[in-house]
Amino acid sequence: MPPPAGSAASSSADAAKSHDDSYVIGVDDVLTISVWNEAALSKSIPVRSDGRISLPLAGEVQAAGKSPLQLEGEIAEKLKNYITAPQVTVIVQEIKSQNFNILGMVGKPGSYSLTVAPTIMDAIAAAGGFKDFAKQTKVYVLRQGPGGGQARIDFNYKDYIKGKNLDKNKNFKLEPHDTVMVP
């Protein structure tokens, strides 16, 4: 018989899932920081544009670029000066850093979450498809480079759906802050 929903077995599975370490916190994400038995230190807080958060007693902490598990450890270490064996939990309450934009001749241009549309084909579908007279052979993505420059990645939708040039026109994954342009 499976364990009840609130049992220790299901909560340990949830805890393992919440400490996956694959998610990297980004700017504008909203975090819930809980310190066990310390209600005054537990709060919901957005990650600022400089990638940092401010917490009572812990002060300024770099959050962007870390996993929730890494951030838990760093906050717990800073709180050890004030609390004996602090138990810290970091939950990503809202993912706002993992977005892309789609502009131009699509049904609903705007900003979308990468969790909804991880590839260029998903992005076009999420935005309601092409409008009449959209240049489906001239779609491109603007991507921020690590040095601050932009790269342009061309995508020929018509060739892709016909199965032509699949090495050049593949359904590639979008990255945070990409801008899909549909002329």
N, C-alpha and C. Protein backbone atom coordinates (compact mmCIF):
# COMPACT_ATOMS: atom_id res chain seq x y z
N MET A 1 0.85 -1.18 0.00
CA MET A 1 0.00 0.00 0.00
C MET A 1 0.89 1.24 0.00
N PRO A 2 0.61 2.24 -0.90
CA PRO A 2 1.45 3.43 -0.94
C PRO A 2 1.28 4.27 0.31
N PRO A 3 2.33 5.00 0.68
CA PRO A 3 2.25 5.82 1.89
C PRO A 3 1.30 6.99 1.67
N PRO A 4 0.65 7.47 2.74
CA PRO A 4 -0.25 8.61 2.61
C PRO A 4 0.51 9.83 2.11
N ALA A 5 -0.23 10.76 1.53
CA ALA A 5 0.34 11.96 0.91
C ALA A 5 1.24 12.74 1.84
N GLY A 6 0.95 12.82 3.10
CA GLY A 6 1.73 13.63 4.03
C GLY A 6 2.81 12.84 4.76
N SER A 7 3.11 11.63 4.31
CA SER A 7 4.04 10.78 5.04
C SER A 7 5.49 11.20 4.82
N ALA A 8 6.37 10.62 5.62
CA ALA A 8 7.80 10.92 5.54
C ALA A 8 8.37 10.48 4.19
N ALA A 9 7.88 9.38 3.63
CA ALA A 9 8.40 8.90 2.34
C ALA A 9 8.15 9.91 1.24
N SER A 10 6.94 10.47 1.17
CA SER A 10 6.66 11.44 0.11
C SER A 10 7.38 12.75 0.37
N SER A 11 7.55 13.16 1.62
CA SER A 11 8.25 14.41 1.88
C SER A 11 9.73 14.27 1.59
N SER A 12 10.32 13.10 1.77
CA SER A 12 11.73 12.95 1.43
C SER A 12 11.91 12.99 -0.08
N ALA A 13 10.95 12.47 -0.84
CA ALA A 13 11.01 12.57 -2.31
C ALA A 13 10.90 14.02 -2.74
N ASP A 14 10.00 14.78 -2.10
CA ASP A 14 9.84 16.20 -2.41
C ASP A 14 11.12 16.96 -2.07
N ALA A 15 11.74 16.63 -0.94
CA ALA A 15 12.96 17.32 -0.53
C ALA A 15 14.08 17.05 -1.52
N ALA A 16 14.18 15.82 -2.00
CA ALA A 16 15.21 15.50 -2.99
C ALA A 16 14.97 16.28 -4.28
N LYS A 17 13.71 16.38 -4.67
CA LYS A 17 13.37 17.12 -5.89
C LYS A 17 13.67 18.61 -5.73
N SER A 18 13.37 19.19 -4.56
CA SER A 18 13.60 20.62 -4.37
C SER A 18 15.09 20.94 -4.29
N HIS A 19 15.94 19.94 -4.04
CA HIS A 19 17.38 20.15 -3.98
C HIS A 19 18.07 19.55 -5.20
N ASP A 20 17.44 19.70 -6.34
CA ASP A 20 17.90 19.14 -7.59
C ASP A 20 19.25 19.72 -8.02
N ASP A 21 19.52 20.97 -7.72
CA ASP A 21 20.77 21.66 -8.05
C ASP A 21 20.90 21.99 -9.54
N SER A 22 19.92 21.64 -10.37
CA SER A 22 20.04 21.97 -11.78
C SER A 22 19.55 23.38 -12.08
N TYR A 23 18.69 23.94 -11.24
CA TYR A 23 18.19 25.29 -11.48
C TYR A 23 19.19 26.30 -10.93
N VAL A 24 19.47 27.31 -11.74
CA VAL A 24 20.37 28.39 -11.33
C VAL A 24 19.52 29.64 -11.13
N ILE A 25 19.60 30.22 -9.95
CA ILE A 25 18.84 31.43 -9.62
C ILE A 25 19.30 32.58 -10.49
N GLY A 26 18.35 33.40 -10.94
CA GLY A 26 18.68 34.54 -11.78
C GLY A 26 18.07 35.82 -11.25
N VAL A 27 18.48 36.93 -11.87
CA VAL A 27 17.96 38.25 -11.52
C VAL A 27 16.45 38.27 -11.73
N ASP A 28 15.72 38.89 -10.83
CA ASP A 28 14.26 39.04 -10.84
C ASP A 28 13.50 37.81 -10.34
N ASP A 29 14.18 36.67 -10.12
CA ASP A 29 13.49 35.53 -9.51
C ASP A 29 13.04 35.95 -8.11
N VAL A 30 11.92 35.39 -7.65
CA VAL A 30 11.44 35.66 -6.30
C VAL A 30 11.71 34.41 -5.46
N LEU A 31 12.42 34.60 -4.35
CA LEU A 31 12.80 33.49 -3.49
C LEU A 31 12.04 33.55 -2.17
N THR A 32 11.70 32.39 -1.64
CA THR A 32 11.17 32.30 -0.29
C THR A 32 12.28 31.70 0.56
N ILE A 33 12.74 32.47 1.52
CA ILE A 33 13.81 32.04 2.42
C ILE A 33 13.17 31.74 3.77
N SER A 34 13.32 30.51 4.23
CA SER A 34 12.77 30.11 5.53
C SER A 34 13.90 29.67 6.44
N VAL A 35 13.89 30.22 7.65
CA VAL A 35 14.83 29.79 8.68
C VAL A 35 13.99 29.15 9.77
N TRP A 36 14.20 27.85 9.98
CA TRP A 36 13.37 27.10 10.91
C TRP A 36 13.40 27.72 12.29
N ASN A 37 12.20 27.93 12.83
CA ASN A 37 11.99 28.47 14.18
C ASN A 37 12.41 29.94 14.31
N GLU A 38 12.56 30.63 13.20
CA GLU A 38 12.95 32.05 13.22
C GLU A 38 12.06 32.82 12.24
N ALA A 39 10.82 33.07 12.63
CA ALA A 39 9.85 33.73 11.75
C ALA A 39 10.31 35.10 11.29
N ALA A 40 11.04 35.83 12.12
CA ALA A 40 11.50 37.17 11.76
C ALA A 40 12.53 37.14 10.64
N LEU A 41 13.20 36.02 10.45
CA LEU A 41 14.22 35.89 9.40
C LEU A 41 13.68 35.24 8.13
N SER A 42 12.46 34.74 8.18
CA SER A 42 11.86 34.07 7.02
C SER A 42 11.08 35.09 6.21
N LYS A 43 11.35 35.11 4.89
CA LYS A 43 10.67 36.10 4.05
C LYS A 43 10.72 35.70 2.59
N SER A 44 9.87 36.38 1.82
CA SER A 44 9.87 36.26 0.37
C SER A 44 10.58 37.49 -0.17
N ILE A 45 11.53 37.29 -1.06
CA ILE A 45 12.38 38.39 -1.49
C ILE A 45 12.80 38.24 -2.95
N PRO A 46 12.73 39.33 -3.73
CA PRO A 46 13.19 39.25 -5.13
C PRO A 46 14.71 39.39 -5.22
N VAL A 47 15.29 38.76 -6.23
CA VAL A 47 16.71 38.92 -6.50
C VAL A 47 16.87 40.23 -7.26
N ARG A 48 17.69 41.14 -6.70
CA ARG A 48 17.87 42.46 -7.31
C ARG A 48 18.65 42.36 -8.63
N SER A 49 18.69 43.48 -9.35
CA SER A 49 19.37 43.52 -10.64
C SER A 49 20.88 43.29 -10.51
N ASP A 50 21.45 43.49 -9.33
CA ASP A 50 22.87 43.20 -9.12
C ASP A 50 23.09 41.74 -8.72
N GLY A 51 22.00 40.95 -8.67
CA GLY A 51 22.09 39.52 -8.36
C GLY A 51 22.13 39.20 -6.89
N ARG A 52 21.94 40.20 -6.05
CA ARG A 52 22.06 40.00 -4.60
C ARG A 52 20.70 40.10 -3.91
N ILE A 53 20.66 39.59 -2.69
CA ILE A 53 19.50 39.74 -1.81
C ILE A 53 20.00 40.27 -0.48
N SER A 54 19.13 40.90 0.28
CA SER A 54 19.47 41.40 1.61
C SER A 54 18.61 40.69 2.64
N LEU A 55 19.25 40.14 3.65
CA LEU A 55 18.54 39.42 4.71
C LEU A 55 18.97 39.94 6.07
N PRO A 56 18.03 39.98 7.02
CA PRO A 56 18.41 40.37 8.39
C PRO A 56 19.48 39.42 8.92
N LEU A 57 20.45 39.96 9.60
CA LEU A 57 21.58 39.25 10.21
C LEU A 57 22.59 38.72 9.18
N ALA A 58 22.13 38.23 8.05
CA ALA A 58 23.05 37.68 7.04
C ALA A 58 23.62 38.78 6.16
N GLY A 59 22.88 39.89 6.03
CA GLY A 59 23.34 41.00 5.20
C GLY A 59 23.17 40.73 3.71
N GLU A 60 24.11 41.25 2.92
CA GLU A 60 24.07 41.09 1.46
C GLU A 60 24.59 39.72 1.08
N VAL A 61 23.83 39.02 0.23
CA VAL A 61 24.22 37.69 -0.20
C VAL A 61 24.04 37.60 -1.71
N GLN A 62 25.05 37.10 -2.42
CA GLN A 62 24.96 36.89 -3.87
C GLN A 62 24.06 35.68 -4.10
N ALA A 63 22.97 35.87 -4.84
CA ALA A 63 22.03 34.77 -5.10
C ALA A 63 22.09 34.33 -6.56
N ALA A 64 22.16 35.28 -7.49
CA ALA A 64 22.18 34.95 -8.92
C ALA A 64 23.41 34.12 -9.24
N GLY A 65 23.21 33.08 -10.04
CA GLY A 65 24.31 32.22 -10.43
C GLY A 65 24.51 31.02 -9.51
N LYS A 66 23.70 30.93 -8.47
CA LYS A 66 23.81 29.81 -7.52
C LYS A 66 22.54 28.97 -7.58
N SER A 67 22.67 27.73 -7.15
CA SER A 67 21.49 26.87 -7.00
C SER A 67 20.86 27.20 -5.65
N PRO A 68 19.57 26.86 -5.45
CA PRO A 68 18.96 27.06 -4.14
C PRO A 68 19.74 26.36 -3.02
N LEU A 69 20.28 25.18 -3.27
CA LEU A 69 21.03 24.45 -2.26
C LEU A 69 22.32 25.20 -1.88
N GLN A 70 23.02 25.73 -2.87
CA GLN A 70 24.23 26.51 -2.57
C GLN A 70 23.89 27.74 -1.74
N LEU A 71 22.79 28.42 -2.11
CA LEU A 71 22.38 29.62 -1.38
C LEU A 71 21.99 29.29 0.05
N GLU A 72 21.31 28.16 0.26
CA GLU A 72 20.96 27.71 1.62
C GLU A 72 22.20 27.59 2.48
N GLY A 73 23.23 26.95 1.93
CA GLY A 73 24.46 26.75 2.68
C GLY A 73 25.15 28.06 3.04
N GLU A 74 25.18 28.99 2.08
CA GLU A 74 25.83 30.28 2.34
C GLU A 74 25.08 31.09 3.40
N ILE A 75 23.76 31.11 3.31
CA ILE A 75 22.96 31.85 4.31
C ILE A 75 23.11 31.22 5.68
N ALA A 76 23.06 29.88 5.74
CA ALA A 76 23.21 29.18 7.02
C ALA A 76 24.58 29.51 7.64
N GLU A 77 25.61 29.55 6.83
CA GLU A 77 26.96 29.86 7.33
C GLU A 77 27.01 31.26 7.92
N LYS A 78 26.35 32.23 7.26
CA LYS A 78 26.35 33.61 7.76
C LYS A 78 25.53 33.73 9.05
N LEU A 79 24.50 32.91 9.19
CA LEU A 79 23.63 32.98 10.38
C LEU A 79 24.22 32.26 11.59
N LYS A 80 25.25 31.44 11.40
CA LYS A 80 25.84 30.69 12.52
C LYS A 80 26.38 31.60 13.62
N ASN A 81 26.72 32.83 13.27
CA ASN A 81 27.20 33.78 14.28
C ASN A 81 26.08 34.19 15.24
N TYR A 82 24.84 34.02 14.83
CA TYR A 82 23.69 34.50 15.61
C TYR A 82 22.76 33.39 16.09
N ILE A 83 22.73 32.27 15.36
CA ILE A 83 21.78 31.18 15.65
C ILE A 83 22.57 29.87 15.71
N THR A 84 22.27 29.05 16.69
CA THR A 84 22.91 27.74 16.78
C THR A 84 22.30 26.81 15.74
N ALA A 85 23.13 26.25 14.88
CA ALA A 85 22.71 25.30 13.84
C ALA A 85 21.49 25.77 13.05
N PRO A 86 21.58 26.88 12.31
CA PRO A 86 20.42 27.36 11.54
C PRO A 86 20.03 26.39 10.42
N GLN A 87 18.73 26.16 10.29
CA GLN A 87 18.19 25.32 9.23
C GLN A 87 17.53 26.24 8.21
N VAL A 88 18.15 26.40 7.05
CA VAL A 88 17.68 27.35 6.04
C VAL A 88 17.13 26.58 4.84
N THR A 89 16.01 27.04 4.33
CA THR A 89 15.42 26.49 3.10
C THR A 89 15.21 27.63 2.12
N VAL A 90 15.65 27.42 0.87
CA VAL A 90 15.43 28.40 -0.20
C VAL A 90 14.56 27.75 -1.26
N ILE A 91 13.43 28.40 -1.54
CA ILE A 91 12.50 27.92 -2.57
C ILE A 91 12.36 29.01 -3.61
N VAL A 92 12.49 28.64 -4.88
CA VAL A 92 12.25 29.60 -5.96
C VAL A 92 10.75 29.69 -6.13
N GLN A 93 10.18 30.77 -5.64
CA GLN A 93 8.73 30.95 -5.66
C GLN A 93 8.23 31.35 -7.04
N GLU A 94 8.94 32.27 -7.70
CA GLU A 94 8.57 32.71 -9.04
C GLU A 94 9.82 32.77 -9.91
N ILE A 95 9.76 32.12 -11.07
CA ILE A 95 10.87 32.18 -12.01
C ILE A 95 10.60 33.32 -12.98
N LYS A 96 11.36 34.39 -12.84
CA LYS A 96 11.19 35.54 -13.72
C LYS A 96 12.44 35.81 -14.55
N SER A 97 13.50 35.10 -14.26
CA SER A 97 14.76 35.34 -14.98
C SER A 97 14.87 34.53 -16.26
N GLN A 98 14.04 33.52 -16.41
CA GLN A 98 14.13 32.61 -17.54
C GLN A 98 13.09 32.96 -18.60
N ASN A 99 13.18 34.16 -19.16
CA ASN A 99 12.22 34.62 -20.15
C ASN A 99 12.90 34.90 -21.47
N PHE A 100 12.10 34.93 -22.54
CA PHE A 100 12.55 35.36 -23.86
C PHE A 100 11.47 36.29 -24.40
N ASN A 101 11.81 37.04 -25.42
CA ASN A 101 10.85 37.93 -26.08
C ASN A 101 10.63 37.46 -27.50
N ILE A 102 9.43 37.65 -28.00
CA ILE A 102 9.15 37.39 -29.41
C ILE A 102 8.41 38.61 -29.94
N LEU A 103 8.93 39.17 -31.02
CA LEU A 103 8.42 40.42 -31.58
C LEU A 103 8.17 40.27 -33.07
N GLY A 104 7.32 41.14 -33.59
CA GLY A 104 7.08 41.18 -35.03
C GLY A 104 5.74 40.60 -35.41
N MET A 105 5.73 39.91 -36.53
CA MET A 105 4.50 39.45 -37.17
C MET A 105 4.02 38.10 -36.62
N VAL A 106 3.73 38.09 -35.32
CA VAL A 106 3.14 36.92 -34.67
C VAL A 106 1.83 37.35 -34.02
N GLY A 107 1.00 36.38 -33.70
CA GLY A 107 -0.31 36.67 -33.11
C GLY A 107 -0.26 37.45 -31.82
N LYS A 108 0.64 37.04 -30.90
CA LYS A 108 0.73 37.69 -29.58
C LYS A 108 2.19 37.96 -29.23
N PRO A 109 2.76 39.05 -29.76
CA PRO A 109 4.15 39.35 -29.39
C PRO A 109 4.24 39.67 -27.89
N GLY A 110 5.38 39.40 -27.30
CA GLY A 110 5.55 39.71 -25.88
C GLY A 110 6.66 38.91 -25.26
N SER A 111 6.65 38.87 -23.93
CA SER A 111 7.65 38.15 -23.16
C SER A 111 7.03 36.85 -22.65
N TYR A 112 7.76 35.74 -22.80
CA TYR A 112 7.26 34.43 -22.42
C TYR A 112 8.32 33.71 -21.58
N SER A 113 7.86 32.78 -20.78
CA SER A 113 8.76 31.98 -19.95
C SER A 113 9.35 30.84 -20.78
N LEU A 114 10.62 30.56 -20.56
CA LEU A 114 11.25 29.42 -21.24
C LEU A 114 10.66 28.09 -20.78
N THR A 115 10.00 28.07 -19.64
CA THR A 115 9.36 26.83 -19.20
C THR A 115 8.16 26.50 -20.07
N VAL A 116 7.56 27.53 -20.69
CA VAL A 116 6.42 27.34 -21.59
C VAL A 116 6.89 27.01 -23.00
N ALA A 117 7.96 27.64 -23.44
CA ALA A 117 8.42 27.49 -24.81
C ALA A 117 9.95 27.39 -24.86
N PRO A 118 10.50 26.19 -24.71
CA PRO A 118 11.96 26.07 -24.66
C PRO A 118 12.68 26.14 -26.01
N THR A 119 11.98 25.94 -27.13
CA THR A 119 12.62 25.96 -28.44
C THR A 119 12.01 27.04 -29.32
N ILE A 120 12.64 27.31 -30.45
CA ILE A 120 12.15 28.36 -31.34
C ILE A 120 10.77 27.99 -31.89
N MET A 121 10.53 26.73 -32.20
CA MET A 121 9.20 26.32 -32.69
C MET A 121 8.15 26.49 -31.59
N ASP A 122 8.50 26.16 -30.35
CA ASP A 122 7.59 26.37 -29.23
C ASP A 122 7.27 27.85 -29.06
N ALA A 123 8.28 28.70 -29.26
CA ALA A 123 8.10 30.15 -29.11
C ALA A 123 7.10 30.68 -30.13
N ILE A 124 7.24 30.24 -31.36
CA ILE A 124 6.32 30.68 -32.42
C ILE A 124 4.89 30.22 -32.10
N ALA A 125 4.77 28.98 -31.64
CA ALA A 125 3.44 28.46 -31.28
C ALA A 125 2.85 29.22 -30.10
N ALA A 126 3.67 29.47 -29.05
CA ALA A 126 3.18 30.17 -27.86
C ALA A 126 2.71 31.58 -28.19
N ALA A 127 3.33 32.19 -29.19
CA ALA A 127 2.97 33.55 -29.57
C ALA A 127 1.82 33.58 -30.58
N GLY A 128 1.16 32.47 -30.78
CA GLY A 128 -0.03 32.44 -31.64
C GLY A 128 0.26 32.23 -33.12
N GLY A 129 1.46 31.82 -33.45
CA GLY A 129 1.80 31.56 -34.85
C GLY A 129 2.03 32.85 -35.62
N PHE A 130 2.25 32.68 -36.91
CA PHE A 130 2.55 33.82 -37.78
C PHE A 130 1.30 34.57 -38.19
N LYS A 131 1.42 35.88 -38.35
CA LYS A 131 0.37 36.70 -38.96
C LYS A 131 0.51 36.57 -40.48
N ASP A 132 -0.54 36.98 -41.18
CA ASP A 132 -0.46 37.02 -42.64
C ASP A 132 0.70 37.92 -43.03
N PHE A 133 1.39 37.57 -44.06
CA PHE A 133 2.50 38.34 -44.63
C PHE A 133 3.77 38.31 -43.78
N ALA A 134 3.83 37.47 -42.76
CA ALA A 134 5.09 37.31 -42.01
C ALA A 134 6.11 36.64 -42.93
N LYS A 135 7.34 37.07 -42.83
CA LYS A 135 8.42 36.50 -43.65
C LYS A 135 8.98 35.28 -42.93
N GLN A 136 8.35 34.15 -43.17
CA GLN A 136 8.68 32.92 -42.45
C GLN A 136 10.07 32.39 -42.77
N THR A 137 10.67 32.84 -43.84
CA THR A 137 12.02 32.41 -44.20
C THR A 137 13.09 33.31 -43.58
N LYS A 138 12.68 34.38 -42.94
CA LYS A 138 13.64 35.38 -42.41
C LYS A 138 13.59 35.52 -40.89
N VAL A 139 13.07 34.54 -40.18
CA VAL A 139 13.00 34.58 -38.71
C VAL A 139 14.44 34.53 -38.17
N TYR A 140 14.70 35.29 -37.12
CA TYR A 140 16.02 35.23 -36.49
C TYR A 140 15.91 35.48 -35.00
N VAL A 141 16.97 35.10 -34.29
CA VAL A 141 17.05 35.26 -32.84
C VAL A 141 18.25 36.14 -32.53
N LEU A 142 18.04 37.14 -31.68
CA LEU A 142 19.14 37.96 -31.16
C LEU A 142 19.49 37.42 -29.78
N ARG A 143 20.76 37.09 -29.60
CA ARG A 143 21.21 36.49 -28.34
C ARG A 143 22.37 37.30 -27.78
N GLN A 144 22.26 37.62 -26.47
CA GLN A 144 23.33 38.35 -25.79
C GLN A 144 24.53 37.44 -25.63
N GLY A 145 25.69 37.94 -25.99
CA GLY A 145 26.93 37.20 -25.80
C GLY A 145 27.50 37.47 -24.42
N PRO A 146 28.45 36.65 -23.97
CA PRO A 146 29.03 36.85 -22.64
C PRO A 146 29.76 38.18 -22.51
N GLY A 147 30.29 38.71 -23.61
CA GLY A 147 31.00 39.98 -23.56
C GLY A 147 30.10 41.19 -23.74
N GLY A 148 28.80 40.97 -23.85
CA GLY A 148 27.85 42.07 -24.00
C GLY A 148 27.38 42.28 -25.43
N GLY A 149 28.08 41.70 -26.40
CA GLY A 149 27.66 41.83 -27.79
C GLY A 149 26.47 40.94 -28.10
N GLN A 150 25.91 41.14 -29.30
CA GLN A 150 24.76 40.32 -29.70
C GLN A 150 25.14 39.44 -30.88
N ALA A 151 24.60 38.24 -30.88
CA ALA A 151 24.76 37.32 -32.00
C ALA A 151 23.40 37.16 -32.67
N ARG A 152 23.40 36.96 -33.98
CA ARG A 152 22.16 36.75 -34.73
C ARG A 152 22.17 35.32 -35.22
N ILE A 153 21.06 34.61 -34.92
CA ILE A 153 20.90 33.22 -35.36
C ILE A 153 19.70 33.19 -36.30
N ASP A 154 19.95 32.88 -37.57
CA ASP A 154 18.87 32.84 -38.57
C ASP A 154 18.13 31.53 -38.48
N PHE A 155 16.83 31.59 -38.79
CA PHE A 155 15.98 30.40 -38.79
C PHE A 155 14.98 30.51 -39.94
N ASN A 156 15.00 29.54 -40.83
CA ASN A 156 14.08 29.50 -41.97
C ASN A 156 12.97 28.50 -41.63
N TYR A 157 11.84 29.02 -41.20
CA TYR A 157 10.71 28.20 -40.77
C TYR A 157 10.21 27.30 -41.90
N LYS A 158 10.09 27.85 -43.09
CA LYS A 158 9.56 27.07 -44.22
C LYS A 158 10.46 25.88 -44.55
N ASP A 159 11.78 26.11 -44.55
CA ASP A 159 12.70 24.99 -44.80
C ASP A 159 12.61 23.96 -43.69
N TYR A 160 12.48 24.42 -42.45
CA TYR A 160 12.41 23.50 -41.33
C TYR A 160 11.20 22.57 -41.43
N ILE A 161 10.02 23.12 -41.70
CA ILE A 161 8.83 22.27 -41.75
C ILE A 161 8.81 21.37 -42.98
N LYS A 162 9.59 21.73 -44.01
CA LYS A 162 9.72 20.87 -45.19
C LYS A 162 10.83 19.84 -45.02
N GLY A 163 11.59 19.95 -43.92
CA GLY A 163 12.67 19.00 -43.67
C GLY A 163 13.94 19.32 -44.44
N LYS A 164 14.08 20.53 -44.96
CA LYS A 164 15.27 20.93 -45.72
C LYS A 164 16.31 21.54 -44.80
N ASN A 165 17.58 21.33 -45.13
CA ASN A 165 18.70 21.95 -44.41
C ASN A 165 18.57 21.80 -42.89
N LEU A 166 18.23 20.61 -42.43
CA LEU A 166 18.00 20.42 -40.99
C LEU A 166 19.24 20.65 -40.14
N ASP A 167 20.42 20.53 -40.74
CA ASP A 167 21.64 20.82 -39.98
C ASP A 167 21.75 22.32 -39.70
N LYS A 168 21.30 23.15 -40.65
CA LYS A 168 21.34 24.60 -40.48
C LYS A 168 20.08 25.13 -39.80
N ASN A 169 18.93 24.54 -40.10
CA ASN A 169 17.64 24.99 -39.58
C ASN A 169 17.09 23.99 -38.57
N LYS A 170 17.76 23.87 -37.45
CA LYS A 170 17.24 22.94 -36.44
C LYS A 170 16.40 23.69 -35.41
N ASN A 171 15.56 22.96 -34.74
CA ASN A 171 14.67 23.52 -33.71
C ASN A 171 15.49 23.69 -32.44
N PHE A 172 16.31 24.75 -32.39
CA PHE A 172 17.25 24.94 -31.29
C PHE A 172 16.57 25.49 -30.05
N LYS A 173 17.24 25.27 -28.91
CA LYS A 173 16.74 25.75 -27.62
C LYS A 173 17.03 27.24 -27.49
N LEU A 174 16.04 27.96 -26.96
CA LEU A 174 16.23 29.37 -26.66
C LEU A 174 16.92 29.49 -25.31
N GLU A 175 17.58 30.62 -25.09
CA GLU A 175 18.25 30.90 -23.84
C GLU A 175 17.60 32.12 -23.19
N PRO A 176 17.79 32.29 -21.88
CA PRO A 176 17.21 33.46 -21.22
C PRO A 176 17.62 34.75 -21.92
N HIS A 177 16.65 35.63 -22.07
CA HIS A 177 16.82 36.96 -22.66
C HIS A 177 17.01 36.96 -24.18
N ASP A 178 16.80 35.82 -24.85
CA ASP A 178 16.80 35.81 -26.32
C ASP A 178 15.62 36.64 -26.81
N THR A 179 15.78 37.22 -28.00
CA THR A 179 14.68 37.92 -28.65
C THR A 179 14.47 37.29 -30.01
N VAL A 180 13.28 36.71 -30.22
CA VAL A 180 12.92 36.11 -31.50
C VAL A 180 12.26 37.21 -32.33
N MET A 181 12.79 37.44 -33.52
CA MET A 181 12.26 38.47 -34.42
C MET A 181 11.60 37.81 -35.62
N VAL A 182 10.35 38.19 -35.87
CA VAL A 182 9.61 37.67 -37.03
C VAL A 182 9.23 38.86 -37.89
N PRO A 183 10.01 39.10 -38.97
CA PRO A 183 9.71 40.28 -39.82
C PRO A 183 8.44 40.11 -40.63
